[in-house]
Every structure is written in structure tokens, then in C-alpha cells.
Amino acid sequence: MLSLPQFLKRLFFTLIGIADTLVICPEGTAVISASTGTWSPIERDVIAEIRALRALPGADSSAVLLKSPARVVHHFILASHGNVQLRMATIAKELGVEMRTLERAFTGEYRLTMAQYQVEVRLAFSRWMLSIFPPTKVSAVAALLGYNLVQDFNRFFKQHMHEAPSEWSRMECARIARGNESTSR
């Protein structure tokens, strides 16, 4: 016969393995996700990382991280380069907090909404990728950021930079080349 702590530990790890739609809340209660039922690959990775942090025995760093959901979201937005397929509601459910509570905490700590920060990070990463010499293909950048269609990435970039990504990249590479010429003289 198992002791109560052994039983609970075995139950916890069994619940984690049941299905992708099972969410383990910080309090240890199991909740079925009410999301669309399918997660993007980036969301699966984030959820797996959150669960791994939660499962670490006696890890103070994971407890601190999971007690500050705004920092968790900040970390995952930054780590995913603002991937368009990373939905904040999925992270909120996995952390066991309401979306509105998470939004308030994030805005209070970072002075931006989660959506604004996600756009800012996505734009910074795309500009960096497009400025690499020789120029990076726009389709590669779009795919890295989670866009299924290059046209959607082009629309996003043009909306924020007022230029098509290929044109911006061409001008940025020319500017960098001019800067390199002037410093080599």
C-alpha cells in the first residue's frame, strides 16, 4: 500500500501524461482546458516547460517564477521572439490565472500590454533578422515568427515599419555597407 504522499505524487505524474488538454494548476488541481483543443508547436513547448518547472522537487526558482505570472509571460514572449502563434490565454490557463489578472499584472510590471510587448519583440527580431548581411529571406523570417503565410508577415511588417520587409532589408543592408565603408577608411 502506498503512503498518501507517494499516492499523490504518482497521481500528479499520471495526470500530466493523460492528454494535451489537461492543465495542472499551481494549486495542484486538474482542469480541462477550454481552449480550441489544439495547441501550436510553440504553445506545446511553453506548456511543457512550465510543467517541467512545476515538477522540479524543491526548486525555489521555479516557485518564484510561477508565483509571478507576468514574468513567466515576459520570458516566453522573449524566448519565442514574439511568435504570432503563442496565445497568452493558453499560458494564463496553464498558470491557473485569469487572463484579465495576468494582463493587469503584466501591464503593472512592464508598462505595456502583453500584445504590445509581443508585437515589439516580434518587430525587433524581424528587423534584426532582415538586417543580417547577406539578406535573410523574408519567408524564413515569417516562418520563424509563426506566420503560415508570408503575406501575413509582410502586412504586419508594413503596418509597423511603413515599408515592405524586402525593401526595408535592402535599405538597411545598404546603410550597414555604407557604415562599414566609412569606418574602414
C-alpha atoms as a PDB file:
ATOM      1  CA  MET A   1       0.000   0.000   0.000  1.00  0.00           C
ATOM      2  CA  LEU A   2       1.250   3.470  -0.925  1.00  0.00           C
ATOM      3  CA  SER A   3       1.543   6.253   1.586  1.00  0.00           C
ATOM      4  CA  LEU A   4      -0.528   9.373   0.905  1.00  0.00           C
ATOM      5  CA  PRO A   5       2.451  11.464  -0.368  1.00  0.00           C
ATOM      6  CA  GLN A   6       3.537   8.622  -2.690  1.00  0.00           C
ATOM      7  CA  PHE A   7      -0.027   8.236  -3.959  1.00  0.00           C
ATOM      8  CA  LEU A   8      -0.363  11.962  -4.630  1.00  0.00           C
ATOM      9  CA  LYS A   9       2.994  12.072  -6.419  1.00  0.00           C
ATOM     10  CA  ARG A  10       2.028   9.121  -8.634  1.00  0.00           C
ATOM     11  CA  LEU A  11      -1.385  10.699  -9.305  1.00  0.00           C
ATOM     12  CA  PHE A  12       0.240  14.031 -10.235  1.00  0.00           C
ATOM     13  CA  PHE A  13       2.561  12.440 -12.793  1.00  0.00           C
ATOM     14  CA  THR A  14      -0.273  10.282 -14.158  1.00  0.00           C
ATOM     15  CA  LEU A  15      -2.444  13.354 -14.655  1.00  0.00           C
ATOM     16  CA  ILE A  16       0.338  15.151 -16.535  1.00  0.00           C
ATOM     17  CA  GLY A  17       0.559  12.289 -19.024  1.00  0.00           C
ATOM     18  CA  ILE A  18      -3.178  11.837 -19.684  1.00  0.00           C
ATOM     19  CA  ALA A  19      -3.680  14.324 -22.531  1.00  0.00           C
ATOM     20  CA  ASP A  20      -2.509  17.577 -24.047  1.00  0.00           C
ATOM     21  CA  THR A  21      -5.728  19.232 -22.935  1.00  0.00           C
ATOM     22  CA  LEU A  22      -5.089  18.605 -19.251  1.00  0.00           C
ATOM     23  CA  VAL A  23      -3.803  21.597 -17.338  1.00  0.00           C
ATOM     24  CA  ILE A  24      -2.213  21.295 -13.906  1.00  0.00           C
ATOM     25  CA  CYS A  25      -2.801  24.429 -11.875  1.00  0.00           C
ATOM     26  CA  PRO A  26      -0.275  25.727  -9.327  1.00  0.00           C
ATOM     27  CA  GLU A  27      -2.524  24.517  -6.532  1.00  0.00           C
ATOM     28  CA  GLY A  28      -2.297  21.003  -7.991  1.00  0.00           C
ATOM     29  CA  THR A  29      -5.893  20.769  -9.152  1.00  0.00           C
ATOM     30  CA  ALA A  30      -6.548  19.361 -12.600  1.00  0.00           C
ATOM     31  CA  VAL A  31      -8.632  21.403 -15.029  1.00  0.00           C
ATOM     32  CA  ILE A  32      -9.623  20.574 -18.588  1.00  0.00           C
ATOM     33  CA  SER A  33      -8.560  23.334 -20.955  1.00  0.00           C
ATOM     34  CA  ALA A  34     -11.370  25.254 -22.597  1.00  0.00           C
ATOM     35  CA  SER A  35      -9.123  26.410 -25.433  1.00  0.00           C
ATOM     36  CA  THR A  36      -9.640  25.379 -29.010  1.00  0.00           C
ATOM     37  CA  GLY A  37      -8.319  21.939 -28.099  1.00  0.00           C
ATOM     38  CA  THR A  38      -5.267  22.206 -30.304  1.00  0.00           C
ATOM     39  CA  TRP A  39      -2.055  23.886 -29.377  1.00  0.00           C
ATOM     40  CA  SER A  40       0.527  25.274 -31.736  1.00  0.00           C
ATOM     41  CA  PRO A  41       4.012  23.739 -31.520  1.00  0.00           C
ATOM     42  CA  ILE A  42       5.284  26.818 -29.678  1.00  0.00           C
ATOM     43  CA  GLU A  43       2.443  26.541 -27.140  1.00  0.00           C
ATOM     44  CA  ARG A  44       3.204  22.848 -26.575  1.00  0.00           C
ATOM     45  CA  ASP A  45       6.834  23.755 -25.866  1.00  0.00           C
ATOM     46  CA  VAL A  46       5.852  26.528 -23.444  1.00  0.00           C
ATOM     47  CA  ILE A  47       3.382  24.302 -21.595  1.00  0.00           C
ATOM     48  CA  ALA A  48       5.958  21.519 -21.351  1.00  0.00           C
ATOM     49  CA  GLU A  49       8.487  23.978 -19.911  1.00  0.00           C
ATOM     50  CA  ILE A  50       6.004  25.333 -17.355  1.00  0.00           C
ATOM     51  CA  ARG A  51       5.103  21.781 -16.285  1.00  0.00           C
ATOM     52  CA  ALA A  52       8.774  20.845 -16.049  1.00  0.00           C
ATOM     53  CA  LEU A  53       9.434  23.866 -13.821  1.00  0.00           C
ATOM     54  CA  ARG A  54       6.476  22.983 -11.659  1.00  0.00           C
ATOM     55  CA  ALA A  55       7.611  19.360 -11.335  1.00  0.00           C
ATOM     56  CA  LEU A  56      11.122  20.192 -10.099  1.00  0.00           C
ATOM     57  CA  PRO A  57      11.365  18.981  -6.500  1.00  0.00           C
ATOM     58  CA  GLY A  58      12.181  21.727  -4.022  1.00  0.00           C
ATOM     59  CA  ALA A  59      13.202  24.230  -6.684  1.00  0.00           C
ATOM     60  CA  ASP A  60      12.846  27.711  -5.229  1.00  0.00           C
ATOM     61  CA  SER A  61      13.479  29.342  -8.611  1.00  0.00           C
ATOM     62  CA  SER A  62      10.504  27.565 -10.173  1.00  0.00           C
ATOM     63  CA  ALA A  63       8.272  28.578  -7.256  1.00  0.00           C
ATOM     64  CA  VAL A  64       9.285  32.215  -7.649  1.00  0.00           C
ATOM     65  CA  LEU A  65       8.821  32.056 -11.416  1.00  0.00           C
ATOM     66  CA  LEU A  66       5.367  30.516 -11.156  1.00  0.00           C
ATOM     67  CA  LYS A  67       4.325  32.994  -8.433  1.00  0.00           C
ATOM     68  CA  SER A  68       4.952  35.848 -10.857  1.00  0.00           C
ATOM     69  CA  PRO A  69       2.877  35.002 -13.925  1.00  0.00           C
ATOM     70  CA  ALA A  70       3.772  38.328 -15.583  1.00  0.00           C
ATOM     71  CA  ARG A  71       7.459  37.372 -15.548  1.00  0.00           C
ATOM     72  CA  VAL A  72       6.633  33.932 -16.939  1.00  0.00           C
ATOM     73  CA  VAL A  73       4.766  35.505 -19.838  1.00  0.00           C
ATOM     74  CA  HIS A  74       7.543  38.046 -20.384  1.00  0.00           C
ATOM     75  CA  HIS A  75      10.093  35.225 -20.527  1.00  0.00           C
ATOM     76  CA  PHE A  76       8.112  33.169 -23.039  1.00  0.00           C
ATOM     77  CA  ILE A  77       7.323  36.112 -25.314  1.00  0.00           C
ATOM     78  CA  LEU A  78      11.009  36.990 -25.404  1.00  0.00           C
ATOM     79  CA  ALA A  79      12.139  33.369 -25.825  1.00  0.00           C
ATOM     80  CA  SER A  80       9.726  32.822 -28.729  1.00  0.00           C
ATOM     81  CA  HIS A  81      10.675  36.149 -30.375  1.00  0.00           C
ATOM     82  CA  GLY A  82       7.044  37.249 -30.116  1.00  0.00           C
ATOM     83  CA  ASN A  83       5.824  34.260 -32.131  1.00  0.00           C
ATOM     84  CA  VAL A  84       2.395  35.012 -33.525  1.00  0.00           C
ATOM     85  CA  GLN A  85       1.134  31.519 -32.606  1.00  0.00           C
ATOM     86  CA  LEU A  86       1.805  31.970 -28.891  1.00  0.00           C
ATOM     87  CA  ARG A  87      -1.549  32.801 -27.326  1.00  0.00           C
ATOM     88  CA  MET A  88      -1.483  34.420 -23.925  1.00  0.00           C
ATOM     89  CA  ALA A  89      -4.756  32.744 -22.926  1.00  0.00           C
ATOM     90  CA  THR A  90      -3.050  29.359 -23.205  1.00  0.00           C
ATOM     91  CA  ILE A  91      -0.289  30.448 -20.839  1.00  0.00           C
ATOM     92  CA  ALA A  92      -2.804  32.002 -18.441  1.00  0.00           C
ATOM     93  CA  LYS A  93      -4.775  28.748 -18.247  1.00  0.00           C
ATOM     94  CA  GLU A  94      -1.621  26.721 -17.681  1.00  0.00           C
ATOM     95  CA  LEU A  95      -0.591  29.067 -14.865  1.00  0.00           C
ATOM     96  CA  GLY A  96      -4.062  28.901 -13.334  1.00  0.00           C
ATOM     97  CA  VAL A  97      -4.777  32.639 -13.539  1.00  0.00           C
ATOM     98  CA  GLU A  98      -7.491  34.580 -15.266  1.00  0.00           C
ATOM     99  CA  MET A  99      -6.482  36.361 -18.450  1.00  0.00           C
ATOM    100  CA  ARG A 100      -7.520  39.753 -17.089  1.00  0.00           C
ATOM    101  CA  THR A 101      -5.496  39.232 -13.899  1.00  0.00           C
ATOM    102  CA  LEU A 102      -2.466  38.270 -15.964  1.00  0.00           C
ATOM    103  CA  GLU A 103      -2.919  41.310 -18.215  1.00  0.00           C
ATOM    104  CA  ARG A 104      -3.119  43.663 -15.212  1.00  0.00           C
ATOM    105  CA  ALA A 105      -0.030  42.139 -13.610  1.00  0.00           C
ATOM    106  CA  PHE A 106       1.940  42.328 -16.871  1.00  0.00           C
ATOM    107  CA  THR A 107       0.929  45.932 -17.565  1.00  0.00           C
ATOM    108  CA  GLY A 108       1.707  46.922 -13.981  1.00  0.00           C
ATOM    109  CA  GLU A 109       5.183  45.419 -14.142  1.00  0.00           C
ATOM    110  CA  TYR A 110       6.232  46.252 -17.722  1.00  0.00           C
ATOM    111  CA  ARG A 111       4.088  49.298 -18.634  1.00  0.00           C
ATOM    112  CA  LEU A 112       2.940  47.562 -21.849  1.00  0.00           C
ATOM    113  CA  THR A 113       0.136  45.158 -22.577  1.00  0.00           C
ATOM    114  CA  MET A 114       1.146  41.607 -23.416  1.00  0.00           C
ATOM    115  CA  ALA A 115       0.020  42.140 -27.021  1.00  0.00           C
ATOM    116  CA  GLN A 116       2.076  45.334 -27.326  1.00  0.00           C
ATOM    117  CA  TYR A 117       5.152  43.603 -25.945  1.00  0.00           C
ATOM    118  CA  GLN A 118       4.650  40.622 -28.248  1.00  0.00           C
ATOM    119  CA  VAL A 119       4.464  42.941 -31.278  1.00  0.00           C
ATOM    120  CA  GLU A 120       7.505  44.912 -30.083  1.00  0.00           C
ATOM    121  CA  VAL A 121       9.604  41.760 -29.659  1.00  0.00           C
ATOM    122  CA  ARG A 122       8.414  40.293 -32.980  1.00  0.00           C
ATOM    123  CA  LEU A 123       9.265  43.509 -34.796  1.00  0.00           C
ATOM    124  CA  ALA A 124      12.709  43.807 -33.177  1.00  0.00           C
ATOM    125  CA  PHE A 125      13.555  40.206 -34.049  1.00  0.00           C
ATOM    126  CA  SER A 126      12.337  40.574 -37.640  1.00  0.00           C
ATOM    127  CA  ARG A 127      14.346  43.788 -38.118  1.00  0.00           C
ATOM    128  CA  TRP A 128      17.442  42.085 -36.739  1.00  0.00           C
ATOM    129  CA  MET A 129      16.980  39.048 -38.984  1.00  0.00           C
ATOM    130  CA  LEU A 130      16.337  41.199 -42.052  1.00  0.00           C
ATOM    131  CA  SER A 131      19.442  43.319 -41.416  1.00  0.00           C
ATOM    132  CA  ILE A 132      21.815  40.351 -41.416  1.00  0.00           C
ATOM    133  CA  PHE A 133      24.186  40.508 -44.373  1.00  0.00           C
ATOM    134  CA  PRO A 134      23.667  38.756 -46.807  1.00  0.00           C
ATOM    135  CA  PRO A 135      19.950  39.410 -46.521  1.00  0.00           C
ATOM    136  CA  THR A 136      17.761  36.795 -44.891  1.00  0.00           C
ATOM    137  CA  LYS A 137      14.824  35.539 -46.906  1.00  0.00           C
ATOM    138  CA  VAL A 138      11.556  37.124 -45.819  1.00  0.00           C
ATOM    139  CA  SER A 139       9.839  33.729 -45.939  1.00  0.00           C
ATOM    140  CA  ALA A 140      12.373  32.344 -43.430  1.00  0.00           C
ATOM    141  CA  VAL A 141      11.725  35.198 -41.007  1.00  0.00           C
ATOM    142  CA  ALA A 142       7.960  34.764 -41.415  1.00  0.00           C
ATOM    143  CA  ALA A 143       8.231  31.054 -40.644  1.00  0.00           C
ATOM    144  CA  LEU A 144      10.419  31.657 -37.564  1.00  0.00           C
ATOM    145  CA  LEU A 145       7.806  34.057 -36.215  1.00  0.00           C
ATOM    146  CA  GLY A 146       4.954  31.580 -36.702  1.00  0.00           C
ATOM    147  CA  TYR A 147       3.310  33.029 -39.795  1.00  0.00           C
ATOM    148  CA  ASN A 148       1.763  30.410 -42.065  1.00  0.00           C
ATOM    149  CA  LEU A 149       1.610  32.865 -44.962  1.00  0.00           C
ATOM    150  CA  VAL A 150       4.398  35.246 -45.948  1.00  0.00           C
ATOM    151  CA  GLN A 151       1.741  37.784 -46.944  1.00  0.00           C
ATOM    152  CA  ASP A 152       0.560  37.981 -43.329  1.00  0.00           C
ATOM    153  CA  PHE A 153       4.094  38.759 -42.161  1.00  0.00           C
ATOM    154  CA  ASN A 154       4.502  41.335 -44.960  1.00  0.00           C
ATOM    155  CA  ARG A 155       1.264  43.031 -43.842  1.00  0.00           C
ATOM    156  CA  PHE A 156       2.402  43.042 -40.183  1.00  0.00           C
ATOM    157  CA  PHE A 157       5.831  44.464 -41.028  1.00  0.00           C
ATOM    158  CA  LYS A 158       4.487  47.106 -43.399  1.00  0.00           C
ATOM    159  CA  GLN A 159       1.870  48.200 -40.872  1.00  0.00           C
ATOM    160  CA  HIS A 160       4.572  48.913 -38.279  1.00  0.00           C
ATOM    161  CA  MET A 161       7.557  49.954 -40.393  1.00  0.00           C
ATOM    162  CA  HIS A 162       5.671  51.584 -43.298  1.00  0.00           C
ATOM    163  CA  GLU A 163       7.800  49.612 -45.764  1.00  0.00           C
ATOM    164  CA  ALA A 164       7.723  46.097 -47.143  1.00  0.00           C
ATOM    165  CA  PRO A 165      10.226  43.819 -45.362  1.00  0.00           C
ATOM    166  CA  SER A 166      12.239  43.152 -48.517  1.00  0.00           C
ATOM    167  CA  GLU A 167      12.566  46.889 -49.220  1.00  0.00           C
ATOM    168  CA  TRP A 168      13.448  47.653 -45.600  1.00  0.00           C
ATOM    169  CA  SER A 169      16.057  44.876 -45.653  1.00  0.00           C
ATOM    170  CA  ARG A 170      17.611  46.151 -48.865  1.00  0.00           C
ATOM    171  CA  MET A 171      17.865  49.708 -47.495  1.00  0.00           C
ATOM    172  CA  GLU A 172      19.186  48.529 -44.101  1.00  0.00           C
ATOM    173  CA  CYS A 173      21.889  46.366 -45.711  1.00  0.00           C
ATOM    174  CA  ALA A 174      22.924  49.318 -47.904  1.00  0.00           C
ATOM    175  CA  ARG A 175      23.098  51.555 -44.804  1.00  0.00           C
ATOM    176  CA  ILE A 176      25.235  48.991 -42.987  1.00  0.00           C
ATOM    177  CA  ALA A 177      27.525  48.638 -46.016  1.00  0.00           C
ATOM    178  CA  ARG A 178      27.946  52.435 -46.185  1.00  0.00           C
ATOM    179  CA  GLY A 179      28.790  52.477 -42.480  1.00  0.00           C
ATOM    180  CA  ASN A 180      31.383  49.738 -42.947  1.00  0.00           C
ATOM    181  CA  GLU A 181      32.990  51.603 -45.855  1.00  0.00           C
ATOM    182  CA  SER A 182      33.314  54.823 -43.869  1.00  0.00           C
ATOM    183  CA  THR A 183      34.878  53.062 -40.852  1.00  0.00           C
ATOM    184  CA  SER A 184      37.399  51.165 -42.992  1.00  0.00           C
ATOM    185  CA  ARG A 185      38.844  54.371 -44.494  1.00  0.00           C
END
